[in-house]
Amino acid sequence: MNTGDTSELLREIDTYVEDLFSTSDETLEAALRDSRRAGLPEISVSPNQGRLLQLLVEIAGARRILEIGTLGGYSAIHFARALPDDGDMISLEIDEHHATVARDNLERAGLSEKVEVRVGDAHDLLSALIEDDEGPFDVIFIDADKESYPEYLVASLRLARSGTLILGDNTIRGGTVLDPKDSTAQATREFNERVARDPRLFSIALPLIRERIDGLTIARVL
């Protein structure tokens, strides 16, 4: 099977799973559509991955979620839908325009009271969360600049408790982590290795299908 055939098969499998489990709806489609119209990069999690994230939150019984990297709020909608009535979520976004789009999408989804979008550099915002003792969180989702993933892991562990799920997105990157040639792939590989070797964590990197193979690193704090 050549590369073109493999890519087409991956798309067909992804579509099959999406159709089978009805992983999208009008609210989610509107969030993607408005994000696209606003000029945001089309790098949101896939519908299938969004459903997986929502399922993980429900399985964990999470009440508090921290997201590092909001973009247009597509993943935040999935997360917030899984929260109980008294649950809450903080999402960190560096770009004010992205944050505005995300807030609008969350408002339309009826979730704005559950999700607070904070704007600024994630390093500074995470330091503030730690300093102000705003943890612990039950689920922490890392989906921002890949070069900072190792540092985000350090901060996440300081905002976690026993049982917290720490999730890292885009951690296979089409296989580039196998032989990293650039800083993004190198940092992602370092993140995966730190997660795998940390005795405080029980973890796995789960390959995910989109147009190519990507992955979600899942770790539970012991």
Protein backbone atom coordinates (compact mmCIF):
# COMPACT_ATOMS: atom_id res chain seq x y z
CA MET A 1 0.00 0.00 0.00
CA ASN A 2 1.52 3.34 -1.00
CA THR A 3 1.43 6.57 1.00
CA GLY A 4 -1.57 7.91 -0.91
CA ASP A 5 -3.54 4.75 -0.29
CA THR A 6 -2.64 4.84 3.41
CA SER A 7 -3.75 8.48 3.78
CA GLU A 8 -7.06 7.72 2.10
CA LEU A 9 -7.59 4.70 4.35
CA LEU A 10 -6.92 6.81 7.44
CA ARG A 11 -9.52 9.37 6.31
CA GLU A 12 -12.04 6.63 5.62
CA ILE A 13 -11.53 5.05 9.04
CA ASP A 14 -11.79 8.43 10.78
CA THR A 15 -15.02 9.20 8.90
CA TYR A 16 -16.40 5.73 9.67
CA VAL A 17 -15.88 6.20 13.41
CA GLU A 18 -17.27 9.75 13.32
CA ASP A 19 -20.40 8.64 11.46
CA LEU A 20 -20.85 5.55 13.63
CA PHE A 21 -20.80 7.43 16.93
CA SER A 22 -22.27 10.73 15.71
CA THR A 23 -19.36 12.64 17.20
CA SER A 24 -20.47 16.09 16.02
CA ASP A 25 -23.57 18.29 16.24
CA GLU A 26 -24.71 21.72 15.12
CA THR A 27 -23.18 23.52 18.12
CA LEU A 28 -19.79 21.95 17.49
CA GLU A 29 -20.02 22.51 13.75
CA ALA A 30 -20.88 26.16 14.37
CA ALA A 31 -17.85 26.52 16.63
CA LEU A 32 -15.59 25.18 13.88
CA ARG A 33 -17.31 27.27 11.22
CA ASP A 34 -17.07 30.53 13.17
CA SER A 35 -13.46 29.81 14.12
CA ARG A 36 -12.66 29.33 10.43
CA ARG A 37 -14.47 32.54 9.46
CA ALA A 38 -12.54 34.43 12.14
CA GLY A 39 -9.27 33.31 10.59
CA LEU A 40 -8.19 30.92 13.31
CA PRO A 41 -5.86 28.10 12.25
CA GLU A 42 -7.71 24.85 11.57
CA ILE A 43 -5.90 22.84 14.25
CA SER A 44 -8.73 21.99 16.63
CA VAL A 45 -9.01 18.43 17.87
CA SER A 46 -10.97 16.15 15.57
CA PRO A 47 -14.62 15.31 16.33
CA ASN A 48 -13.56 11.80 17.31
CA GLN A 49 -10.85 13.06 19.62
CA GLY A 50 -13.25 15.56 21.14
CA ARG A 51 -15.60 12.71 22.01
CA LEU A 52 -12.67 10.78 23.50
CA LEU A 53 -11.72 13.75 25.66
CA GLN A 54 -15.30 14.15 26.84
CA LEU A 55 -15.47 10.44 27.66
CA LEU A 56 -12.21 10.59 29.65
CA VAL A 57 -13.55 13.47 31.73
CA GLU A 58 -16.78 11.58 32.41
CA ILE A 59 -14.89 8.39 33.36
CA ALA A 60 -12.65 10.39 35.69
CA GLY A 61 -15.64 12.05 37.33
CA ALA A 62 -13.84 15.37 36.95
CA ARG A 63 -15.19 18.55 38.51
CA ARG A 64 -12.32 20.91 37.67
CA ILE A 65 -10.47 21.10 34.35
CA LEU A 66 -7.48 23.13 33.21
CA GLU A 67 -6.85 23.56 29.48
CA ILE A 68 -3.61 25.01 28.16
CA GLY A 69 -4.46 26.34 24.70
CA THR A 70 -8.05 27.40 23.99
CA LEU A 71 -8.02 28.32 20.28
CA GLY A 72 -11.72 28.62 19.29
CA GLY A 73 -13.13 26.71 22.22
CA TYR A 74 -13.98 23.52 20.32
CA SER A 75 -12.25 21.19 22.78
CA ALA A 76 -13.46 23.31 25.70
CA ILE A 77 -17.06 22.63 24.65
CA HIS A 78 -16.41 18.89 24.80
CA PHE A 79 -14.76 19.18 28.20
CA ALA A 80 -17.40 21.45 29.71
CA ARG A 81 -20.24 19.22 28.51
CA ALA A 82 -18.78 16.44 30.65
CA LEU A 83 -18.68 18.52 33.82
CA PRO A 84 -21.36 18.26 36.50
CA ASP A 85 -23.57 21.26 37.23
CA ASP A 86 -21.15 22.51 39.90
CA GLY A 87 -18.04 21.85 37.78
CA ASP A 88 -15.78 24.52 36.36
CA MET A 89 -12.98 24.92 33.85
CA ILE A 90 -10.15 27.37 33.25
CA SER A 91 -8.74 27.64 29.73
CA LEU A 92 -5.55 29.55 28.94
CA GLU A 93 -5.10 31.33 25.60
CA ILE A 94 -2.30 33.63 24.47
CA ASP A 95 -4.25 35.38 21.70
CA GLU A 96 -7.03 37.81 22.61
CA HIS A 97 -8.75 37.35 19.25
CA HIS A 98 -8.82 33.58 19.70
CA ALA A 99 -10.17 34.03 23.22
CA THR A 100 -13.00 36.26 21.97
CA VAL A 101 -14.03 33.67 19.38
CA ALA A 102 -13.86 30.94 22.02
CA ARG A 103 -16.02 32.90 24.46
CA ASP A 104 -18.63 33.45 21.74
CA ASN A 105 -18.64 29.75 20.90
CA LEU A 106 -18.96 28.80 24.56
CA GLU A 107 -21.78 31.31 25.03
CA ARG A 108 -23.73 29.80 22.13
CA ALA A 109 -23.15 26.33 23.62
CA GLY A 110 -24.61 27.51 26.93
CA LEU A 111 -21.34 26.83 28.73
CA SER A 112 -19.89 30.26 29.38
CA GLU A 113 -20.70 30.10 33.10
CA LYS A 114 -18.65 26.92 33.44
CA VAL A 115 -15.59 28.01 31.46
CA GLU A 116 -13.32 30.94 32.21
CA VAL A 117 -10.95 31.87 29.38
CA ARG A 118 -7.83 33.64 30.65
CA VAL A 119 -5.61 35.51 28.20
CA GLY A 120 -1.85 35.72 28.44
CA ASP A 121 1.34 33.75 28.13
CA ALA A 122 0.69 30.26 29.46
CA HIS A 123 3.93 30.24 31.47
CA ASP A 124 2.85 33.37 33.34
CA LEU A 125 -0.74 32.19 33.78
CA LEU A 126 0.38 28.80 35.09
CA SER A 127 2.76 30.47 37.53
CA ALA A 128 -0.11 32.61 38.76
CA LEU A 129 -2.35 29.57 39.21
CA ILE A 130 0.37 27.90 41.28
CA GLU A 131 1.15 31.02 43.30
CA ASP A 132 -2.53 31.67 44.01
CA ASP A 133 -3.04 28.03 44.98
CA GLU A 134 -5.88 27.55 42.49
CA GLY A 135 -5.26 23.84 42.08
CA PRO A 136 -5.71 21.01 42.14
CA PHE A 137 -7.43 20.16 38.88
CA ASP A 138 -8.92 16.79 38.04
CA VAL A 139 -8.01 16.91 34.34
CA ILE A 140 -5.27 18.99 32.69
CA PHE A 141 -5.16 19.18 28.90
CA ILE A 142 -1.96 20.44 27.26
CA ASP A 143 -2.51 21.66 23.70
CA ALA A 144 -0.45 24.80 23.17
CA ASP A 145 3.02 25.52 21.74
CA LYS A 146 4.78 22.18 21.51
CA GLU A 147 8.23 23.53 22.38
CA SER A 148 6.94 24.28 25.88
CA TYR A 149 5.36 20.88 26.56
CA PRO A 150 8.12 19.75 28.97
CA GLU A 151 7.70 22.95 30.99
CA TYR A 152 3.92 22.66 30.93
CA LEU A 153 4.27 19.15 32.35
CA VAL A 154 6.27 20.47 35.29
CA ALA A 155 3.62 23.12 36.00
CA SER A 156 0.79 20.63 35.53
CA LEU A 157 2.22 18.31 38.17
CA ARG A 158 2.21 21.20 40.63
CA LEU A 159 -1.48 21.76 39.89
CA ALA A 160 -2.45 18.10 40.12
CA ARG A 161 -3.48 15.68 42.84
CA SER A 162 -3.49 11.93 43.16
CA GLY A 163 -5.80 10.70 40.41
CA THR A 164 -5.48 13.75 38.13
CA LEU A 165 -5.40 13.01 34.41
CA ILE A 166 -2.75 14.91 32.44
CA LEU A 167 -3.39 14.80 28.69
CA GLY A 168 -0.93 15.94 26.03
CA ASP A 169 -2.21 16.46 22.48
CA ASN A 170 -0.33 15.99 19.18
CA THR A 171 2.32 13.73 20.68
CA ILE A 172 2.98 11.40 17.73
CA ARG A 173 3.00 14.09 15.03
CA GLY A 174 2.87 11.80 12.03
CA GLY A 175 5.76 9.78 13.41
CA THR A 176 8.23 12.68 13.56
CA VAL A 177 8.86 11.92 17.25
CA LEU A 178 10.55 8.69 16.16
CA ASP A 179 13.45 10.64 14.64
CA PRO A 180 12.93 14.31 15.50
CA LYS A 181 14.48 16.79 13.09
CA ASP A 182 13.09 20.05 14.47
CA SER A 183 12.52 21.69 17.84
CA THR A 184 8.80 20.88 17.86
CA ALA A 185 9.32 17.16 17.40
CA GLN A 186 12.26 17.18 19.82
CA ALA A 187 10.24 18.86 22.57
CA THR A 188 7.31 16.51 21.98
CA ARG A 189 9.58 13.48 22.22
CA GLU A 190 11.11 14.89 25.43
CA PHE A 191 7.62 15.39 26.86
CA ASN A 192 6.66 11.80 26.08
CA GLU A 193 9.87 10.47 27.61
CA ARG A 194 9.41 12.53 30.78
CA VAL A 195 5.86 11.30 31.15
CA ALA A 196 6.91 7.69 30.57
CA ARG A 197 9.77 7.81 33.08
CA ASP A 198 8.17 9.84 35.86
CA PRO A 199 7.51 7.49 38.79
CA ARG A 200 4.58 9.68 39.85
CA LEU A 201 2.69 8.85 36.65
CA PHE A 202 1.00 5.83 35.06
CA SER A 203 0.82 6.60 31.38
CA ILE A 204 0.51 5.66 27.72
CA ALA A 205 0.75 7.43 24.36
CA LEU A 206 -2.30 6.53 22.30
CA PRO A 207 -2.03 6.82 18.49
CA LEU A 208 -4.98 8.65 16.92
CA ILE A 209 -6.16 8.68 13.33
CA ARG A 210 -6.77 11.86 11.37
CA GLU A 211 -5.34 12.66 7.94
CA ARG A 212 -2.21 11.15 9.42
CA ILE A 213 -1.30 9.36 12.61
CA ASP A 214 -1.09 11.65 15.61
CA GLY A 215 -1.45 10.87 19.28
CA LEU A 216 -2.70 11.69 22.75
CA THR A 217 -0.46 11.07 25.74
CA ILE A 218 -2.53 10.09 28.78
CA ALA A 219 -1.08 10.07 32.28
CA ARG A 220 -2.68 9.51 35.67
CA VAL A 221 -1.02 10.93 38.75
CA LEU A 222 -0.43 8.16 41.28
